[in-house]
Amino acid sequence: MLGFLSRNTGCFERSTEEGHFTGSAWLVHPDNSTFLLTHHRKLGKWLQLGGHADGNHDVLDVAIKEAVEESGIKDIEVLQTEIFDVDIHRIPARTGEPEHLHYDVRYLLRSRSASYCVSNESHDLAWINADELHHFTQEHSMLRMTSKWNAIKSQFSSTLP
């Protein structure tokens, strides 16, 4: 990721065909029991919320913006400003868009509301328990983030009484 960043001045623009940076949110429920996933409309997979940087070099800001846009949840808190996870993954070619890489920087966020609204970018959204994730995906990076969250969640007190 650092090599890609250093050799591509346009790495935060989706017009960079080799690939580009994206920002994602591992968005946990107010009681820390589950996390919100989207059944992504274009990719047909259950994934964390997130999207293109579109020129914004502050990928934490991108992750928050995408979480709000994709979930309709406006009250979101940053649990840690440090990067939670990174992943480089291939996006398949589609009409008018060649295959490329997403250099995804992921942050740990928490919703202050359990209510969400499915956007036009998703088929569905769901609060998923870590024990149920394998029913939704076998993606290594999703399982990795679940393990990371399970290892540290006791550090974060719930926002619910």
Protein backbone atom coordinates (compact mmCIF):
# COMPACT_ATOMS: atom_id res chain seq x y z
CA MET A 1 0.00 0.00 0.00
CA LEU A 2 2.78 2.41 0.86
CA GLY A 3 4.53 1.67 -2.42
CA PHE A 4 1.33 2.28 -4.36
CA LEU A 5 0.80 5.52 -2.44
CA SER A 6 4.34 6.76 -3.16
CA ARG A 7 4.30 6.01 -6.90
CA ASN A 8 0.75 7.19 -7.77
CA THR A 9 -0.12 10.84 -7.32
CA GLY A 10 -3.71 10.05 -8.29
CA CYS A 11 -4.11 7.14 -5.87
CA PHE A 12 -7.12 8.77 -4.15
CA GLU A 13 -8.99 9.19 -7.46
CA ARG A 14 -11.12 6.39 -8.88
CA SER A 15 -9.90 7.40 -12.36
CA THR A 16 -6.54 5.75 -11.54
CA GLU A 17 -7.19 2.52 -13.40
CA GLU A 18 -4.56 0.37 -11.67
CA GLY A 19 -6.41 0.95 -8.42
CA HIS A 20 -7.26 3.55 -5.81
CA PHE A 21 -7.73 4.09 -2.10
CA THR A 22 -11.05 3.44 -0.41
CA GLY A 23 -12.20 4.01 3.13
CA SER A 24 -14.32 1.51 5.06
CA ALA A 25 -16.13 1.32 8.37
CA TRP A 26 -16.30 -1.63 10.72
CA LEU A 27 -19.50 -0.23 12.22
CA VAL A 28 -20.49 -1.81 15.52
CA HIS A 29 -23.91 -1.74 17.17
CA PRO A 30 -24.46 0.61 20.14
CA ASP A 31 -24.30 -2.36 22.53
CA ASN A 32 -21.11 -3.74 20.85
CA SER A 33 -22.84 -7.08 20.14
CA THR A 34 -23.01 -6.99 16.33
CA PHE A 35 -21.67 -5.12 13.32
CA LEU A 36 -23.51 -3.67 10.32
CA LEU A 37 -22.87 -5.21 6.91
CA THR A 38 -24.20 -4.36 3.49
CA HIS A 39 -25.19 -6.80 0.78
CA HIS A 40 -23.39 -4.77 -1.88
CA ARG A 41 -25.51 -4.18 -4.97
CA LYS A 42 -22.68 -4.16 -7.54
CA LEU A 43 -20.52 -6.92 -6.04
CA GLY A 44 -23.32 -9.17 -4.74
CA LYS A 45 -21.44 -9.85 -1.48
CA TRP A 46 -21.88 -9.08 2.21
CA LEU A 47 -19.23 -6.49 3.09
CA GLN A 48 -18.42 -3.72 5.53
CA LEU A 49 -19.66 -0.23 4.64
CA GLY A 50 -17.26 1.86 2.58
CA GLY A 51 -16.38 3.46 -0.70
CA HIS A 52 -14.11 5.52 -2.91
CA ALA A 53 -11.97 8.36 -1.58
CA ASP A 54 -12.80 10.48 -4.66
CA GLY A 55 -9.85 12.78 -4.04
CA ASN A 56 -10.17 12.93 -0.25
CA HIS A 57 -6.82 12.03 1.36
CA ASP A 58 -8.47 11.69 4.80
CA VAL A 59 -9.66 8.09 4.56
CA LEU A 60 -11.13 8.18 8.08
CA ASP A 61 -13.39 10.97 6.83
CA VAL A 62 -14.21 8.81 3.79
CA ALA A 63 -15.11 5.85 6.04
CA ILE A 64 -17.44 7.99 8.16
CA LYS A 65 -19.08 9.59 5.11
CA GLU A 66 -19.65 6.23 3.45
CA ALA A 67 -21.05 4.69 6.65
CA VAL A 68 -23.57 7.54 6.93
CA GLU A 69 -24.51 7.42 3.23
CA GLU A 70 -24.89 3.64 3.09
CA SER A 71 -26.71 3.17 6.40
CA GLY A 72 -28.66 6.38 6.89
CA ILE A 73 -27.24 6.48 10.43
CA LYS A 74 -26.16 10.03 11.17
CA ASP A 75 -24.89 9.59 14.73
CA ILE A 76 -21.65 7.63 14.42
CA GLU A 77 -18.66 7.79 16.75
CA VAL A 78 -15.04 6.96 16.01
CA LEU A 79 -13.89 4.30 18.47
CA GLN A 80 -10.23 4.69 17.52
CA THR A 81 -8.51 7.01 15.08
CA GLU A 82 -5.82 4.44 14.35
CA ILE A 83 -6.33 2.22 11.33
CA PHE A 84 -8.29 -0.89 12.31
CA ASP A 85 -7.43 -2.99 9.24
CA VAL A 86 -6.10 -2.70 5.69
CA ASP A 87 -6.80 -4.87 2.69
CA ILE A 88 -5.94 -4.90 -0.99
CA HIS A 89 -8.58 -6.66 -3.06
CA ARG A 90 -9.40 -7.07 -6.73
CA ILE A 91 -12.58 -5.55 -8.12
CA PRO A 92 -13.82 -7.41 -11.21
CA ALA A 93 -14.31 -5.62 -14.53
CA ARG A 94 -17.78 -4.30 -15.28
CA THR A 95 -19.22 -2.38 -18.19
CA GLY A 96 -17.13 0.76 -18.61
CA GLU A 97 -14.78 -0.15 -15.75
CA PRO A 98 -11.70 -2.38 -16.04
CA GLU A 99 -10.61 -4.79 -13.31
CA HIS A 100 -8.66 -2.87 -10.67
CA LEU A 101 -7.49 -2.95 -7.06
CA HIS A 102 -8.99 -1.31 -4.01
CA TYR A 103 -6.46 -0.26 -1.40
CA ASP A 104 -8.91 -0.30 1.48
CA VAL A 105 -8.20 1.43 4.79
CA ARG A 106 -10.66 0.41 7.49
CA TYR A 107 -11.67 2.16 10.70
CA LEU A 108 -13.49 1.11 13.83
CA LEU A 109 -16.71 3.10 14.26
CA ARG A 110 -19.82 2.68 16.38
CA SER A 111 -23.38 3.67 15.67
CA ARG A 112 -25.35 5.40 18.40
CA SER A 113 -28.56 4.08 16.85
CA ALA A 114 -29.63 0.58 15.89
CA SER A 115 -31.99 1.88 13.17
CA TYR A 116 -30.71 2.00 9.61
CA CYS A 117 -32.02 2.66 6.12
CA VAL A 118 -30.97 0.62 3.08
CA SER A 119 -29.52 2.88 0.37
CA ASN A 120 -29.59 2.30 -3.37
CA GLU A 121 -26.01 0.98 -3.12
CA SER A 122 -27.20 -2.12 -1.25
CA HIS A 123 -29.59 -5.01 -1.63
CA ASP A 124 -29.86 -5.14 2.15
CA LEU A 125 -28.19 -4.23 5.44
CA ALA A 126 -28.04 -6.37 8.58
CA TRP A 127 -26.62 -6.32 12.08
CA ILE A 128 -24.54 -9.51 12.16
CA ASN A 129 -23.29 -11.40 15.20
CA ALA A 130 -19.68 -12.63 14.91
CA ASP A 131 -20.87 -16.22 15.41
CA GLU A 132 -23.19 -15.87 12.41
CA LEU A 133 -20.74 -14.24 9.97
CA HIS A 134 -19.79 -17.52 8.28
CA HIS A 135 -23.43 -17.76 7.04
CA PHE A 136 -22.91 -14.47 5.15
CA THR A 137 -19.33 -14.65 3.92
CA GLN A 138 -16.11 -16.63 3.92
CA GLU A 139 -14.03 -13.59 2.90
CA HIS A 140 -10.74 -13.76 4.79
CA SER A 141 -10.61 -10.03 5.47
CA MET A 142 -14.12 -10.04 6.96
CA LEU A 143 -13.26 -12.95 9.25
CA ARG A 144 -10.01 -11.19 10.19
CA MET A 145 -11.85 -8.00 11.19
CA THR A 146 -14.29 -10.04 13.27
CA SER A 147 -11.38 -11.66 15.13
CA LYS A 148 -9.77 -8.27 15.68
CA TRP A 149 -13.03 -6.82 17.04
CA ASN A 150 -13.61 -9.80 19.34
CA ALA A 151 -10.10 -9.38 20.75
CA ILE A 152 -10.54 -5.69 21.67
CA LYS A 153 -14.26 -5.05 22.15
CA SER A 154 -14.04 -5.28 25.94
CA GLN A 155 -11.98 -2.06 25.81
CA PHE A 156 -15.00 -0.12 24.60
CA SER A 157 -17.94 0.36 26.92
CA SER A 158 -21.36 0.15 25.31
CA THR A 159 -23.24 3.36 24.48
CA LEU A 160 -26.46 1.74 25.69
CA PRO A 161 -27.39 1.85 29.38
